[in-house]
Amino acid sequence: NSTASASLSMYSLTFTSKHEVDDLGMIYQELQSIMLRFIYPLSPVALAPNSRTGTQSRIVCCHCLGEDDLLTADLNKSDTVEESKLKNERIGNLMACVWESSDIVEGEAQSVSQLGLFDLDRWYHSQMPRQLKLSPESPERGSSFFCFYNLSETQS
């Protein structure tokens, strides 16, 4: 019986130069270094990733949320598209990840689905910690930059 546990990792890439190209955006050239900045194991208990042994996890999907993903969510009928973009300017720095973990509970295998939302701006503001520090305001949800939701609980 093999166990494999997935994890989320974030790396910083350093390049020698960058320049903007019309219709493409920024182009980075001459990669200089790659450095691991953050790693988080994905488990059935999102806030205690190393608390269980013998669990398996797999990433279902990861998606960077851009303004097109959530633009209409905050669009009032009186707002123009430009006004709505201003309201949602930070959305491009959110990453959503869904993972599924299996765990043995009372001798039976149970599957748990989790949603994690990672806010890159808040992570930078927290001085890019390598590990998760629980938020004093709501420790049951995670930190100021990475929060979790048990999707299995919301399905019932």
C-alpha atoms as a PDB file:
ATOM      1  CA  ASN A   1       0.000   0.000   0.000  1.00  0.00           C
ATOM      2  CA  SER A   2       1.824   3.101  -1.183  1.00  0.00           C
ATOM      3  CA  THR A   3       1.030   6.577   0.053  1.00  0.00           C
ATOM      4  CA  ALA A   4       1.695   9.695  -1.920  1.00  0.00           C
ATOM      5  CA  SER A   5       1.021  13.155  -0.630  1.00  0.00           C
ATOM      6  CA  ALA A   6       0.850  16.209  -2.872  1.00  0.00           C
ATOM      7  CA  SER A   7       2.119  19.636  -1.887  1.00  0.00           C
ATOM      8  CA  LEU A   8       1.939  23.179  -3.199  1.00  0.00           C
ATOM      9  CA  SER A   9       5.276  24.850  -3.875  1.00  0.00           C
ATOM     10  CA  MET A  10       6.097  28.398  -4.891  1.00  0.00           C
ATOM     11  CA  TYR A  11       9.398  29.375  -6.450  1.00  0.00           C
ATOM     12  CA  SER A  12      10.923  32.752  -7.241  1.00  0.00           C
ATOM     13  CA  LEU A  13      12.663  33.106 -10.586  1.00  0.00           C
ATOM     14  CA  THR A  14      15.357  35.698 -11.187  1.00  0.00           C
ATOM     15  CA  PHE A  15      16.079  36.923 -14.715  1.00  0.00           C
ATOM     16  CA  THR A  16      18.745  39.235 -16.089  1.00  0.00           C
ATOM     17  CA  SER A  17      16.324  41.386 -18.083  1.00  0.00           C
ATOM     18  CA  LYS A  18      12.737  41.962 -19.065  1.00  0.00           C
ATOM     19  CA  HIS A  19      11.027  43.976 -21.752  1.00  0.00           C
ATOM     20  CA  GLU A  20       7.467  44.570 -22.864  1.00  0.00           C
ATOM     21  CA  VAL A  21       6.201  43.256 -26.176  1.00  0.00           C
ATOM     22  CA  ASP A  22       2.967  44.582 -27.697  1.00  0.00           C
ATOM     23  CA  ASP A  23       0.090  42.087 -27.438  1.00  0.00           C
ATOM     24  CA  LEU A  24       2.222  39.716 -25.306  1.00  0.00           C
ATOM     25  CA  GLY A  25       3.147  41.638 -22.173  1.00  0.00           C
ATOM     26  CA  MET A  26       6.427  41.207 -20.309  1.00  0.00           C
ATOM     27  CA  ILE A  27       9.106  38.918 -21.720  1.00  0.00           C
ATOM     28  CA  TYR A  28      11.809  37.773 -19.278  1.00  0.00           C
ATOM     29  CA  GLN A  29      15.236  36.734 -20.540  1.00  0.00           C
ATOM     30  CA  GLU A  30      18.282  34.879 -19.213  1.00  0.00           C
ATOM     31  CA  LEU A  31      17.148  32.901 -16.190  1.00  0.00           C
ATOM     32  CA  GLN A  32      19.688  33.351 -13.373  1.00  0.00           C
ATOM     33  CA  SER A  33      18.270  31.492 -10.403  1.00  0.00           C
ATOM     34  CA  ILE A  34      15.342  29.516  -9.036  1.00  0.00           C
ATOM     35  CA  MET A  35      14.595  29.483  -5.308  1.00  0.00           C
ATOM     36  CA  LEU A  36      11.962  27.591  -3.311  1.00  0.00           C
ATOM     37  CA  ARG A  37      10.019  30.198  -1.290  1.00  0.00           C
ATOM     38  CA  PHE A  38       6.996  28.369   0.128  1.00  0.00           C
ATOM     39  CA  ILE A  39       5.858  24.773   0.401  1.00  0.00           C
ATOM     40  CA  TYR A  40       2.684  23.387   1.930  1.00  0.00           C
ATOM     41  CA  PRO A  41       1.753  19.685   2.188  1.00  0.00           C
ATOM     42  CA  LEU A  42      -1.847  18.911   1.241  1.00  0.00           C
ATOM     43  CA  SER A  43      -3.646  16.654   3.696  1.00  0.00           C
ATOM     44  CA  PRO A  44      -7.142  15.864   5.005  1.00  0.00           C
ATOM     45  CA  VAL A  45      -6.593  18.348   7.839  1.00  0.00           C
ATOM     46  CA  ALA A  46      -5.561  21.522   5.997  1.00  0.00           C
ATOM     47  CA  LEU A  47      -4.433  23.354   9.138  1.00  0.00           C
ATOM     48  CA  ALA A  48      -2.321  20.449  10.397  1.00  0.00           C
ATOM     49  CA  PRO A  49      -0.664  19.080   7.259  1.00  0.00           C
ATOM     50  CA  ASN A  50       1.880  16.905   9.059  1.00  0.00           C
ATOM     51  CA  SER A  51      -0.508  15.509  11.681  1.00  0.00           C
ATOM     52  CA  ARG A  52      -1.486  12.366   9.793  1.00  0.00           C
ATOM     53  CA  THR A  53       0.691   9.615   8.424  1.00  0.00           C
ATOM     54  CA  GLY A  54      -0.428   7.187   5.777  1.00  0.00           C
ATOM     55  CA  THR A  55      -2.678   9.653   3.991  1.00  0.00           C
ATOM     56  CA  GLN A  56      -2.819  10.163   0.264  1.00  0.00           C
ATOM     57  CA  SER A  57      -3.609  13.394  -1.517  1.00  0.00           C
ATOM     58  CA  ARG A  58      -3.896  14.623  -5.067  1.00  0.00           C
ATOM     59  CA  ILE A  59      -4.422  18.031  -6.601  1.00  0.00           C
ATOM     60  CA  VAL A  60      -7.760  18.227  -8.411  1.00  0.00           C
ATOM     61  CA  CYS A  61      -7.163  21.693  -9.893  1.00  0.00           C
ATOM     62  CA  CYS A  62      -5.242  24.915  -9.385  1.00  0.00           C
ATOM     63  CA  HIS A  63      -6.251  28.154 -10.999  1.00  0.00           C
ATOM     64  CA  CYS A  64      -4.985  31.728 -10.853  1.00  0.00           C
ATOM     65  CA  LEU A  65      -8.011  33.946 -10.506  1.00  0.00           C
ATOM     66  CA  GLY A  66      -7.884  36.840 -12.927  1.00  0.00           C
ATOM     67  CA  GLU A  67     -10.226  39.743 -13.416  1.00  0.00           C
ATOM     68  CA  ASP A  68     -12.169  37.820 -16.065  1.00  0.00           C
ATOM     69  CA  ASP A  69     -12.971  35.090 -13.520  1.00  0.00           C
ATOM     70  CA  LEU A  70     -14.615  37.367 -10.965  1.00  0.00           C
ATOM     71  CA  LEU A  71     -15.289  40.558 -12.881  1.00  0.00           C
ATOM     72  CA  THR A  72     -19.034  40.067 -13.141  1.00  0.00           C
ATOM     73  CA  ALA A  73     -19.389  39.034  -9.495  1.00  0.00           C
ATOM     74  CA  ASP A  74     -19.036  42.644  -8.335  1.00  0.00           C
ATOM     75  CA  LEU A  75     -20.487  44.412 -11.360  1.00  0.00           C
ATOM     76  CA  ASN A  76     -23.458  46.568 -10.454  1.00  0.00           C
ATOM     77  CA  LYS A  77     -25.803  47.524 -13.247  1.00  0.00           C
ATOM     78  CA  SER A  78     -24.746  51.146 -12.837  1.00  0.00           C
ATOM     79  CA  ASP A  79     -20.987  50.328 -12.989  1.00  0.00           C
ATOM     80  CA  THR A  80     -19.057  50.530 -16.205  1.00  0.00           C
ATOM     81  CA  VAL A  81     -16.598  47.738 -17.008  1.00  0.00           C
ATOM     82  CA  GLU A  82     -13.728  50.103 -16.108  1.00  0.00           C
ATOM     83  CA  GLU A  83     -15.259  50.864 -12.683  1.00  0.00           C
ATOM     84  CA  SER A  84     -15.679  47.166 -12.056  1.00  0.00           C
ATOM     85  CA  LYS A  85     -12.044  46.479 -13.042  1.00  0.00           C
ATOM     86  CA  LEU A  86     -10.922  49.036 -10.468  1.00  0.00           C
ATOM     87  CA  LYS A  87     -12.942  47.270  -7.764  1.00  0.00           C
ATOM     88  CA  ASN A  88     -11.340  43.949  -8.708  1.00  0.00           C
ATOM     89  CA  GLU A  89      -7.781  45.078  -9.412  1.00  0.00           C
ATOM     90  CA  ARG A  90      -6.268  42.727  -6.803  1.00  0.00           C
ATOM     91  CA  ILE A  91      -8.011  39.613  -8.088  1.00  0.00           C
ATOM     92  CA  GLY A  92      -5.125  38.687 -10.388  1.00  0.00           C
ATOM     93  CA  ASN A  93      -3.023  37.815  -7.329  1.00  0.00           C
ATOM     94  CA  LEU A  94      -5.264  35.048  -5.982  1.00  0.00           C
ATOM     95  CA  MET A  95      -4.693  31.350  -6.554  1.00  0.00           C
ATOM     96  CA  ALA A  96      -7.332  28.715  -5.847  1.00  0.00           C
ATOM     97  CA  CYS A  97      -6.402  25.079  -5.351  1.00  0.00           C
ATOM     98  CA  VAL A  98      -8.677  22.114  -4.732  1.00  0.00           C
ATOM     99  CA  TRP A  99      -7.261  18.858  -3.455  1.00  0.00           C
ATOM    100  CA  GLU A 100      -8.647  15.530  -2.394  1.00  0.00           C
ATOM    101  CA  SER A 101      -7.195  13.480   0.444  1.00  0.00           C
ATOM    102  CA  SER A 102      -7.987  10.035   1.710  1.00  0.00           C
ATOM    103  CA  ASP A 103      -7.645   9.125   5.339  1.00  0.00           C
ATOM    104  CA  ILE A 104      -8.477   6.154   7.499  1.00  0.00           C
ATOM    105  CA  VAL A 105     -11.183   7.042  10.047  1.00  0.00           C
ATOM    106  CA  GLU A 106     -12.383   4.274  12.385  1.00  0.00           C
ATOM    107  CA  GLY A 107     -10.926   1.646  10.050  1.00  0.00           C
ATOM    108  CA  GLU A 108     -12.616   2.990   6.911  1.00  0.00           C
ATOM    109  CA  ALA A 109     -11.128   5.051   4.088  1.00  0.00           C
ATOM    110  CA  GLN A 110     -12.769   8.468   3.785  1.00  0.00           C
ATOM    111  CA  SER A 111     -12.233  11.083   1.144  1.00  0.00           C
ATOM    112  CA  VAL A 112     -11.981  14.764   2.053  1.00  0.00           C
ATOM    113  CA  SER A 113     -11.992  17.643  -0.447  1.00  0.00           C
ATOM    114  CA  GLN A 114     -10.373  20.963   0.472  1.00  0.00           C
ATOM    115  CA  LEU A 115     -10.222  24.393  -1.157  1.00  0.00           C
ATOM    116  CA  GLY A 116      -7.246  26.635  -0.477  1.00  0.00           C
ATOM    117  CA  LEU A 117      -7.117  30.321  -1.476  1.00  0.00           C
ATOM    118  CA  PHE A 118      -3.633  31.844  -1.606  1.00  0.00           C
ATOM    119  CA  ASP A 119      -3.314  35.654  -1.758  1.00  0.00           C
ATOM    120  CA  LEU A 120       0.074  36.612  -3.174  1.00  0.00           C
ATOM    121  CA  ASP A 121      -0.239  40.270  -2.101  1.00  0.00           C
ATOM    122  CA  ARG A 122      -0.918  39.319   1.523  1.00  0.00           C
ATOM    123  CA  TRP A 123       1.943  36.801   1.439  1.00  0.00           C
ATOM    124  CA  TYR A 124       4.322  39.575   0.304  1.00  0.00           C
ATOM    125  CA  HIS A 125       2.883  41.876   3.005  1.00  0.00           C
ATOM    126  CA  SER A 126       3.618  39.134   5.576  1.00  0.00           C
ATOM    127  CA  GLN A 127       7.271  39.263   4.402  1.00  0.00           C
ATOM    128  CA  MET A 128       7.055  36.021   2.414  1.00  0.00           C
ATOM    129  CA  PRO A 129       7.100  33.486   5.257  1.00  0.00           C
ATOM    130  CA  ARG A 130       8.235  29.970   4.340  1.00  0.00           C
ATOM    131  CA  GLN A 131       5.583  28.415   6.584  1.00  0.00           C
ATOM    132  CA  LEU A 132       1.951  29.042   7.393  1.00  0.00           C
ATOM    133  CA  LYS A 133       1.238  31.023  10.555  1.00  0.00           C
ATOM    134  CA  LEU A 134      -2.359  30.862  11.757  1.00  0.00           C
ATOM    135  CA  SER A 135      -4.317  34.098  11.787  1.00  0.00           C
ATOM    136  CA  PRO A 136      -5.283  35.210  15.318  1.00  0.00           C
ATOM    137  CA  GLU A 137      -8.599  36.560  13.935  1.00  0.00           C
ATOM    138  CA  SER A 138      -9.765  33.228  12.497  1.00  0.00           C
ATOM    139  CA  PRO A 139      -7.305  30.386  13.143  1.00  0.00           C
ATOM    140  CA  GLU A 140      -9.838  27.817  11.951  1.00  0.00           C
ATOM    141  CA  ARG A 141      -9.556  29.195   8.383  1.00  0.00           C
ATOM    142  CA  GLY A 142      -5.774  29.595   8.065  1.00  0.00           C
ATOM    143  CA  SER A 143      -3.563  32.633   7.810  1.00  0.00           C
ATOM    144  CA  SER A 144      -3.878  36.124   6.415  1.00  0.00           C
ATOM    145  CA  PHE A 145      -2.572  34.902   3.035  1.00  0.00           C
ATOM    146  CA  PHE A 146      -3.704  31.258   2.784  1.00  0.00           C
ATOM    147  CA  CYS A 147      -7.184  30.191   3.907  1.00  0.00           C
ATOM    148  CA  PHE A 148      -8.915  26.833   3.706  1.00  0.00           C
ATOM    149  CA  TYR A 149     -12.428  25.474   3.304  1.00  0.00           C
ATOM    150  CA  ASN A 150     -13.506  21.873   3.736  1.00  0.00           C
ATOM    151  CA  LEU A 151     -15.624  21.187   0.650  1.00  0.00           C
ATOM    152  CA  SER A 152     -16.780  17.840   2.010  1.00  0.00           C
ATOM    153  CA  GLU A 153     -18.573  19.649   4.863  1.00  0.00           C
ATOM    154  CA  THR A 154     -20.268  22.104   2.504  1.00  0.00           C
ATOM    155  CA  GLN A 155     -21.659  19.299   0.322  1.00  0.00           C
ATOM    156  CA  SER A 156     -23.850  17.871   3.076  1.00  0.00           C
END
